[in-house]
Amino acid sequence: MSRHGHTHSARGPSQRQLRVGEELRHALAWILERGELRDPALATTPVTVTEVRVSPDLKNATCFVTPLGGGDAQAVKAVVDALEHAKGFLRHEVVRQVNLRFAPTLHFLHDTSFDTASHIDQLLHSPEVMRDLRHEDDEDDEDD
């Protein structure tokens, strides 16, 4: 524990981790945009790199990806598997673009944040929630 009662992990990523993660995200997006990967799953599906989280020692990077426009579970799995298969090539290409002392090991995961946001939006627009919101508005009007 530090002097201020916080552990290192409780503070979140450092400014350097955030900056390196963003550089890696841009480099990966540029590599994928150029279409240098020959995998059929990647050739037919544009991929968005939404976030890259880097470990404190900058030796590991978790890359969150999603097919552009979503896709079914099978397409998402195919994209993530293709990127995992090509991670050696991607690591080599990233090192050429981003000046780092060590080449980080890349790990690819499907980014579910868009699915979660869509689900929350559906819930907020459901008739049950709308009814409850109208009921609360009516009670607020009566208090005035």
C-alpha atoms as a PDB file:
ATOM      1  CA  MET A   1       0.000   0.000   0.000  1.00  0.00           C
ATOM      2  CA  SER A   2       1.201   3.472  -0.773  1.00  0.00           C
ATOM      3  CA  ARG A   3       1.249   6.454   1.565  1.00  0.00           C
ATOM      4  CA  HIS A   4      -2.199   7.546   0.442  1.00  0.00           C
ATOM      5  CA  GLY A   5      -3.875   4.214   1.125  1.00  0.00           C
ATOM      6  CA  HIS A   6      -4.167   3.116  -2.516  1.00  0.00           C
ATOM      7  CA  THR A   7      -2.610   0.077  -4.056  1.00  0.00           C
ATOM      8  CA  HIS A   8      -1.024   0.400  -7.483  1.00  0.00           C
ATOM      9  CA  SER A   9      -3.740  -1.616  -9.234  1.00  0.00           C
ATOM     10  CA  ALA A  10      -6.534   0.433  -7.642  1.00  0.00           C
ATOM     11  CA  ARG A  11      -5.391   3.573  -9.463  1.00  0.00           C
ATOM     12  CA  GLY A  12      -5.929   2.138 -12.912  1.00  0.00           C
ATOM     13  CA  PRO A  13      -3.567   2.304 -15.853  1.00  0.00           C
ATOM     14  CA  SER A  14      -0.743   4.818 -15.911  1.00  0.00           C
ATOM     15  CA  GLN A  15      -0.530   7.592 -18.461  1.00  0.00           C
ATOM     16  CA  ARG A  16       2.236   5.642 -20.231  1.00  0.00           C
ATOM     17  CA  GLN A  17       0.072   2.495 -20.427  1.00  0.00           C
ATOM     18  CA  LEU A  18      -2.778   4.509 -21.929  1.00  0.00           C
ATOM     19  CA  ARG A  19      -0.497   6.223 -24.455  1.00  0.00           C
ATOM     20  CA  VAL A  20       1.192   2.966 -25.521  1.00  0.00           C
ATOM     21  CA  GLY A  21      -2.190   1.223 -25.759  1.00  0.00           C
ATOM     22  CA  GLU A  22      -3.499   3.948 -28.045  1.00  0.00           C
ATOM     23  CA  GLU A  23      -0.368   3.763 -30.235  1.00  0.00           C
ATOM     24  CA  LEU A  24      -0.764  -0.009 -30.515  1.00  0.00           C
ATOM     25  CA  ARG A  25      -4.462   0.388 -31.360  1.00  0.00           C
ATOM     26  CA  HIS A  26      -3.671   2.806 -34.177  1.00  0.00           C
ATOM     27  CA  ALA A  27      -0.896   0.559 -35.520  1.00  0.00           C
ATOM     28  CA  LEU A  28      -3.128  -2.539 -35.483  1.00  0.00           C
ATOM     29  CA  ALA A  29      -5.990  -0.670 -37.134  1.00  0.00           C
ATOM     30  CA  TRP A  30      -3.663   0.542 -39.877  1.00  0.00           C
ATOM     31  CA  ILE A  31      -2.271  -2.966 -40.475  1.00  0.00           C
ATOM     32  CA  LEU A  32      -5.774  -4.447 -40.671  1.00  0.00           C
ATOM     33  CA  GLU A  33      -6.927  -1.636 -42.954  1.00  0.00           C
ATOM     34  CA  ARG A  34      -4.114  -2.351 -45.406  1.00  0.00           C
ATOM     35  CA  GLY A  35      -5.395  -5.919 -45.701  1.00  0.00           C
ATOM     36  CA  GLU A  36      -2.036  -7.659 -45.479  1.00  0.00           C
ATOM     37  CA  LEU A  37      -3.496 -10.661 -43.661  1.00  0.00           C
ATOM     38  CA  ARG A  38      -4.455 -13.474 -46.015  1.00  0.00           C
ATOM     39  CA  ASP A  39      -6.981 -15.177 -43.736  1.00  0.00           C
ATOM     40  CA  PRO A  40     -10.421 -15.500 -45.411  1.00  0.00           C
ATOM     41  CA  ALA A  41     -12.216 -14.547 -42.183  1.00  0.00           C
ATOM     42  CA  LEU A  42     -10.338 -11.250 -42.151  1.00  0.00           C
ATOM     43  CA  ALA A  43     -10.489 -10.657 -45.894  1.00  0.00           C
ATOM     44  CA  THR A  44     -14.284 -10.628 -45.964  1.00  0.00           C
ATOM     45  CA  THR A  45     -14.932  -8.858 -42.658  1.00  0.00           C
ATOM     46  CA  PRO A  46     -13.681  -5.382 -41.727  1.00  0.00           C
ATOM     47  CA  VAL A  47     -12.430  -5.406 -38.137  1.00  0.00           C
ATOM     48  CA  THR A  48     -12.515  -2.563 -35.623  1.00  0.00           C
ATOM     49  CA  VAL A  49      -9.868  -2.408 -32.888  1.00  0.00           C
ATOM     50  CA  THR A  50     -11.805  -0.694 -30.123  1.00  0.00           C
ATOM     51  CA  GLU A  51      -9.246  -0.711 -27.309  1.00  0.00           C
ATOM     52  CA  VAL A  52      -5.811  -2.024 -26.383  1.00  0.00           C
ATOM     53  CA  ARG A  53      -4.976  -2.490 -22.705  1.00  0.00           C
ATOM     54  CA  VAL A  54      -1.300  -2.788 -21.869  1.00  0.00           C
ATOM     55  CA  SER A  55       0.163  -4.414 -18.760  1.00  0.00           C
ATOM     56  CA  PRO A  56       2.193  -2.193 -16.395  1.00  0.00           C
ATOM     57  CA  ASP A  57       5.474  -3.648 -17.706  1.00  0.00           C
ATOM     58  CA  LEU A  58       4.309  -3.030 -21.338  1.00  0.00           C
ATOM     59  CA  LYS A  59       5.081  -6.646 -22.276  1.00  0.00           C
ATOM     60  CA  ASN A  60       1.483  -7.830 -22.758  1.00  0.00           C
ATOM     61  CA  ALA A  61      -1.327  -6.176 -24.654  1.00  0.00           C
ATOM     62  CA  THR A  62      -4.964  -7.245 -24.727  1.00  0.00           C
ATOM     63  CA  CYS A  63      -6.594  -6.079 -27.946  1.00  0.00           C
ATOM     64  CA  PHE A  64     -10.378  -5.764 -27.997  1.00  0.00           C
ATOM     65  CA  VAL A  65     -11.778  -6.226 -31.486  1.00  0.00           C
ATOM     66  CA  THR A  66     -15.167  -6.502 -33.106  1.00  0.00           C
ATOM     67  CA  PRO A  67     -16.297  -7.044 -36.676  1.00  0.00           C
ATOM     68  CA  LEU A  68     -17.535  -3.790 -38.179  1.00  0.00           C
ATOM     69  CA  GLY A  69     -21.303  -3.751 -37.910  1.00  0.00           C
ATOM     70  CA  GLY A  70     -21.380  -6.593 -35.374  1.00  0.00           C
ATOM     71  CA  GLY A  71     -22.024 -10.069 -36.679  1.00  0.00           C
ATOM     72  CA  ASP A  72     -23.168 -13.401 -35.385  1.00  0.00           C
ATOM     73  CA  ALA A  73     -21.221 -15.342 -32.765  1.00  0.00           C
ATOM     74  CA  GLN A  74     -19.657 -17.638 -35.359  1.00  0.00           C
ATOM     75  CA  ALA A  75     -18.282 -14.700 -37.399  1.00  0.00           C
ATOM     76  CA  VAL A  76     -16.917 -13.040 -34.267  1.00  0.00           C
ATOM     77  CA  LYS A  77     -15.198 -16.257 -33.190  1.00  0.00           C
ATOM     78  CA  ALA A  78     -13.710 -16.687 -36.677  1.00  0.00           C
ATOM     79  CA  VAL A  79     -12.290 -13.138 -36.604  1.00  0.00           C
ATOM     80  CA  VAL A  80     -10.789 -13.517 -33.120  1.00  0.00           C
ATOM     81  CA  ASP A  81      -9.335 -16.939 -34.008  1.00  0.00           C
ATOM     82  CA  ALA A  82      -7.823 -15.536 -37.225  1.00  0.00           C
ATOM     83  CA  LEU A  83      -6.213 -12.662 -35.321  1.00  0.00           C
ATOM     84  CA  GLU A  84      -4.875 -15.050 -32.675  1.00  0.00           C
ATOM     85  CA  HIS A  85      -3.401 -17.179 -35.465  1.00  0.00           C
ATOM     86  CA  ALA A  86      -1.762 -14.122 -37.055  1.00  0.00           C
ATOM     87  CA  LYS A  87      -0.531 -12.536 -33.827  1.00  0.00           C
ATOM     88  CA  GLY A  88       3.134 -13.295 -34.589  1.00  0.00           C
ATOM     89  CA  PHE A  89       2.931 -11.400 -37.865  1.00  0.00           C
ATOM     90  CA  LEU A  90       0.924  -8.603 -36.234  1.00  0.00           C
ATOM     91  CA  ARG A  91       3.443  -8.319 -33.405  1.00  0.00           C
ATOM     92  CA  HIS A  92       6.275  -7.992 -35.908  1.00  0.00           C
ATOM     93  CA  GLU A  93       4.410  -5.315 -37.878  1.00  0.00           C
ATOM     94  CA  VAL A  94       3.456  -3.387 -34.742  1.00  0.00           C
ATOM     95  CA  VAL A  95       7.088  -3.292 -33.591  1.00  0.00           C
ATOM     96  CA  ARG A  96       8.073  -1.770 -36.918  1.00  0.00           C
ATOM     97  CA  GLN A  97       5.575   1.071 -36.408  1.00  0.00           C
ATOM     98  CA  VAL A  98       5.684   1.713 -32.663  1.00  0.00           C
ATOM     99  CA  ASN A  99       9.044   2.411 -31.058  1.00  0.00           C
ATOM    100  CA  LEU A 100       9.112   0.265 -27.919  1.00  0.00           C
ATOM    101  CA  ARG A 101      11.938  -1.413 -26.036  1.00  0.00           C
ATOM    102  CA  PHE A 102      10.050  -4.728 -25.969  1.00  0.00           C
ATOM    103  CA  ALA A 103       7.559  -6.116 -28.452  1.00  0.00           C
ATOM    104  CA  PRO A 104       4.385  -6.778 -26.450  1.00  0.00           C
ATOM    105  CA  THR A 105       2.709 -10.151 -26.669  1.00  0.00           C
ATOM    106  CA  LEU A 106      -0.691  -9.586 -28.272  1.00  0.00           C
ATOM    107  CA  HIS A 107      -3.891 -11.261 -27.080  1.00  0.00           C
ATOM    108  CA  PHE A 108      -7.193 -10.755 -28.898  1.00  0.00           C
ATOM    109  CA  LEU A 109     -10.652 -10.714 -27.321  1.00  0.00           C
ATOM    110  CA  HIS A 110     -14.090  -9.849 -28.636  1.00  0.00           C
ATOM    111  CA  ASP A 111     -15.257  -6.452 -27.392  1.00  0.00           C
ATOM    112  CA  THR A 112     -18.718  -6.900 -25.924  1.00  0.00           C
ATOM    113  CA  SER A 113     -19.226  -3.263 -24.913  1.00  0.00           C
ATOM    114  CA  PHE A 114     -21.345  -2.518 -28.015  1.00  0.00           C
ATOM    115  CA  ASP A 115     -23.585  -5.513 -27.286  1.00  0.00           C
ATOM    116  CA  THR A 116     -23.953  -4.399 -23.669  1.00  0.00           C
ATOM    117  CA  ALA A 117     -24.804  -0.827 -24.706  1.00  0.00           C
ATOM    118  CA  SER A 118     -27.383  -2.107 -27.187  1.00  0.00           C
ATOM    119  CA  HIS A 119     -28.960  -4.318 -24.527  1.00  0.00           C
ATOM    120  CA  ILE A 120     -29.185  -1.405 -22.078  1.00  0.00           C
ATOM    121  CA  ASP A 121     -30.725   0.780 -24.785  1.00  0.00           C
ATOM    122  CA  GLN A 122     -33.346  -1.906 -25.477  1.00  0.00           C
ATOM    123  CA  LEU A 123     -34.137  -2.143 -21.774  1.00  0.00           C
ATOM    124  CA  LEU A 124     -34.521   1.621 -21.438  1.00  0.00           C
ATOM    125  CA  HIS A 125     -36.948   1.714 -24.352  1.00  0.00           C
ATOM    126  CA  SER A 126     -38.989  -1.286 -23.238  1.00  0.00           C
ATOM    127  CA  PRO A 127     -42.673  -0.642 -22.414  1.00  0.00           C
ATOM    128  CA  GLU A 128     -42.221  -1.696 -18.774  1.00  0.00           C
ATOM    129  CA  VAL A 129     -39.471   0.837 -18.123  1.00  0.00           C
ATOM    130  CA  MET A 130     -41.305   3.571 -20.027  1.00  0.00           C
ATOM    131  CA  ARG A 131     -44.414   2.882 -17.888  1.00  0.00           C
ATOM    132  CA  ASP A 132     -42.363   3.132 -14.689  1.00  0.00           C
ATOM    133  CA  LEU A 133     -40.720   6.351 -15.835  1.00  0.00           C
ATOM    134  CA  ARG A 134     -44.111   7.900 -16.636  1.00  0.00           C
ATOM    135  CA  HIS A 135     -45.383   6.795 -13.222  1.00  0.00           C
ATOM    136  CA  GLU A 136     -42.418   8.487 -11.479  1.00  0.00           C
ATOM    137  CA  ASP A 137     -42.963  11.680 -13.514  1.00  0.00           C
ATOM    138  CA  ASP A 138     -46.600  11.757 -12.385  1.00  0.00           C
ATOM    139  CA  GLU A 139     -45.561  11.458  -8.731  1.00  0.00           C
ATOM    140  CA  ASP A 140     -43.035  14.294  -9.154  1.00  0.00           C
ATOM    141  CA  ASP A 141     -45.791  16.532 -10.632  1.00  0.00           C
ATOM    142  CA  GLU A 142     -48.053  15.823  -7.640  1.00  0.00           C
ATOM    143  CA  ASP A 143     -45.284  16.874  -5.202  1.00  0.00           C
ATOM    144  CA  ASP A 144     -44.962  20.325  -6.836  1.00  0.00           C
END
